[in-house]
Protein backbone atom coordinates (compact mmCIF):
# COMPACT_ATOMS: atom_id res chain seq x y z
CA MET A 1 -31.43 29.01 -1.88
CA TYR A 2 -30.70 25.30 -1.37
CA SER A 3 -33.40 22.77 -2.13
CA PHE A 4 -34.52 20.20 0.40
CA GLN A 5 -32.95 17.41 -1.73
CA THR A 6 -29.58 19.18 -1.80
CA LEU A 7 -29.58 19.55 1.98
CA CYS A 8 -30.55 15.88 2.45
CA ALA A 9 -27.77 14.76 0.09
CA ALA A 10 -25.23 16.88 1.95
CA ALA A 11 -26.39 15.42 5.27
CA LEU A 12 -26.04 11.87 3.93
CA LEU A 13 -22.58 12.47 2.47
CA ALA A 14 -21.15 14.25 5.53
CA PRO A 15 -20.43 10.99 7.40
CA LEU A 16 -18.55 9.66 4.34
CA ALA A 17 -16.23 12.67 4.34
CA ALA A 18 -15.67 12.21 8.06
CA SER A 19 -14.54 8.61 7.51
CA ALA A 20 -11.41 9.64 5.59
CA ALA A 21 -8.27 8.32 7.24
CA ASP A 22 -4.53 8.70 6.84
CA LEU A 23 -2.30 5.66 6.44
CA ARG A 24 1.31 6.11 7.51
CA VAL A 25 3.78 3.41 6.52
CA ALA A 26 7.20 2.68 7.97
CA VAL A 27 9.42 0.40 5.89
CA ALA A 28 12.15 -1.54 7.68
CA ASP A 29 14.90 -3.97 6.74
CA GLY A 30 15.45 -2.50 3.30
CA PRO A 31 18.69 -2.81 1.35
CA ALA A 32 21.81 -1.19 2.77
CA VAL A 33 22.61 0.16 -0.70
CA PRO A 34 20.68 3.13 -2.12
CA ALA A 35 17.44 1.99 -3.76
CA THR A 36 14.10 3.30 -4.94
CA LEU A 37 11.09 1.98 -3.09
CA TYR A 38 7.97 1.30 -5.17
CA VAL A 39 4.78 1.15 -3.10
CA ALA A 40 1.31 0.25 -4.38
CA LEU A 41 -1.94 0.39 -2.39
CA TYR A 42 -4.92 -1.80 -3.33
CA ASP A 43 -8.50 -1.47 -2.09
CA SER A 44 -10.07 -4.72 -3.31
CA ALA A 45 -9.18 -8.32 -4.15
CA GLU A 46 -10.02 -7.64 -7.81
CA ALA A 47 -7.75 -4.60 -8.01
CA TYR A 48 -4.97 -6.52 -6.23
CA ALA A 49 -5.24 -9.52 -8.57
CA GLY A 50 -5.31 -7.22 -11.61
CA GLY A 51 -2.41 -5.02 -10.46
CA LYS A 52 -4.61 -1.90 -10.49
CA SER A 53 -3.55 0.12 -7.47
CA VAL A 54 -5.74 2.84 -6.02
CA ALA A 55 -2.58 4.82 -5.18
CA SER A 56 1.17 4.44 -5.51
CA GLN A 57 4.37 6.17 -4.52
CA THR A 58 8.09 5.94 -5.18
CA LEU A 59 10.68 7.20 -2.76
CA PRO A 60 14.32 6.63 -1.84
CA VAL A 61 15.37 4.04 0.73
CA ARG A 62 18.17 5.28 2.93
CA ALA A 63 20.01 3.07 5.41
CA GLY A 64 17.36 0.39 4.88
CA ASN A 65 14.41 2.49 6.05
CA ALA A 66 11.71 4.72 4.58
CA GLN A 67 8.50 6.43 5.66
CA LEU A 68 5.52 7.50 3.58
CA ALA A 69 1.83 8.34 3.90
CA PHE A 70 -1.39 7.95 1.96
CA LEU A 71 -3.75 10.71 3.08
CA GLY A 72 -7.53 10.98 3.06
CA LEU A 73 -8.37 7.36 2.26
CA PRO A 74 -11.95 6.12 2.60
CA ALA A 75 -12.59 3.47 5.24
CA GLY A 76 -12.15 -0.07 3.94
CA ARG A 77 -9.69 -2.94 3.57
CA TYR A 78 -6.33 -2.32 1.91
CA VAL A 79 -3.18 -4.17 0.87
CA LEU A 80 0.32 -2.68 0.52
CA ARG A 81 2.71 -4.25 -1.99
CA LEU A 82 6.24 -2.86 -2.23
CA PHE A 83 9.72 -3.58 -3.45
CA ALA A 84 13.13 -1.93 -3.35
CA ASP A 85 14.59 -1.43 -6.83
CA GLU A 86 18.32 -1.68 -6.23
CA ASN A 87 19.52 -1.50 -9.83
CA GLY A 88 17.30 1.33 -11.07
CA ASN A 89 15.43 -0.57 -13.78
CA GLY A 90 11.96 0.12 -12.29
CA LYS A 91 10.94 -3.49 -11.77
CA LEU A 92 11.26 -6.31 -9.26
CA ASP A 93 13.97 -8.56 -10.67
CA ALA A 94 13.74 -12.33 -10.34
CA ASN A 95 16.09 -15.27 -10.89
CA LEU A 96 15.58 -18.05 -13.45
CA LEU A 97 13.11 -19.78 -11.12
CA GLY A 98 11.03 -16.61 -10.81
CA LEU A 99 12.06 -15.90 -7.22
CA PRO A 100 12.65 -12.22 -6.42
CA ILE A 101 16.28 -11.16 -6.06
CA GLU A 102 15.43 -7.68 -4.76
CA ARG A 103 13.85 -6.87 -1.40
CA TYR A 104 10.02 -6.86 -1.27
CA GLY A 105 7.19 -6.94 1.23
CA PHE A 106 3.44 -6.88 1.82
CA SER A 107 1.20 -5.46 4.50
CA ASN A 108 0.80 -7.71 7.56
CA ASP A 109 4.24 -9.02 6.54
CA ALA A 110 2.18 -11.62 4.66
CA LYS A 111 3.95 -14.38 2.77
CA GLY A 112 2.65 -16.25 -0.24
CA LYS A 113 3.11 -19.83 -1.32
CA MET A 114 4.49 -20.07 -4.85
CA GLY A 115 3.59 -16.43 -5.49
CA PRO A 116 2.31 -13.35 -3.70
CA PRO A 117 0.04 -13.68 -0.66
CA THR A 118 -3.72 -13.53 -1.09
CA PHE A 119 -5.64 -10.30 -0.60
CA ASP A 120 -7.16 -11.71 2.59
CA ALA A 121 -3.74 -12.62 4.03
CA ALA A 122 -2.24 -9.20 3.33
CA SER A 123 -5.27 -6.95 3.86
CA PHE A 124 -5.88 -4.78 6.88
CA PRO A 125 -8.82 -2.60 7.94
CA LEU A 126 -8.50 1.17 7.73
CA GLU A 127 -11.19 2.98 9.69
CA ALA A 128 -9.16 5.69 11.42
CA ASP A 129 -5.67 7.15 11.11
CA THR A 130 -3.29 4.17 11.17
CA THR A 131 0.45 3.56 11.24
CA THR A 132 1.82 0.24 10.03
CA THR A 133 5.28 -1.22 9.49
CA VAL A 134 6.27 -3.43 6.57
CA HIS A 135 9.47 -5.46 6.75
CA LEU A 136 11.24 -6.18 3.48
CA ARG A 137 12.67 -9.63 2.87
């Protein structure tokens, strides 16, 4: 037999479960050569600044395009950060000035000044199933 408190807790948590959403991502303008796409998803400015993703994926880029999904995410604000590893070393390579030499991108196609864009510039709301496109540069 369920207690009154258990039933109340279940009733309060039911709307939270209903707010789960799927994020589908299309990646365009990737390298023409075979590459591995590294994708990280952040759910707060602190996590983004600290490089602590809530979820991540790697997948092949073929003919400059890729598609992926993050399923069952809670409602909130998120940022996508991704890059195409063309030489297989597992990192975003940069030149002597620190500028990336491999393709990369952020949600909202946000651009930074002297570094990555801010969380606010790259973040987007996720309240229902969403599809977004990120263009690599």
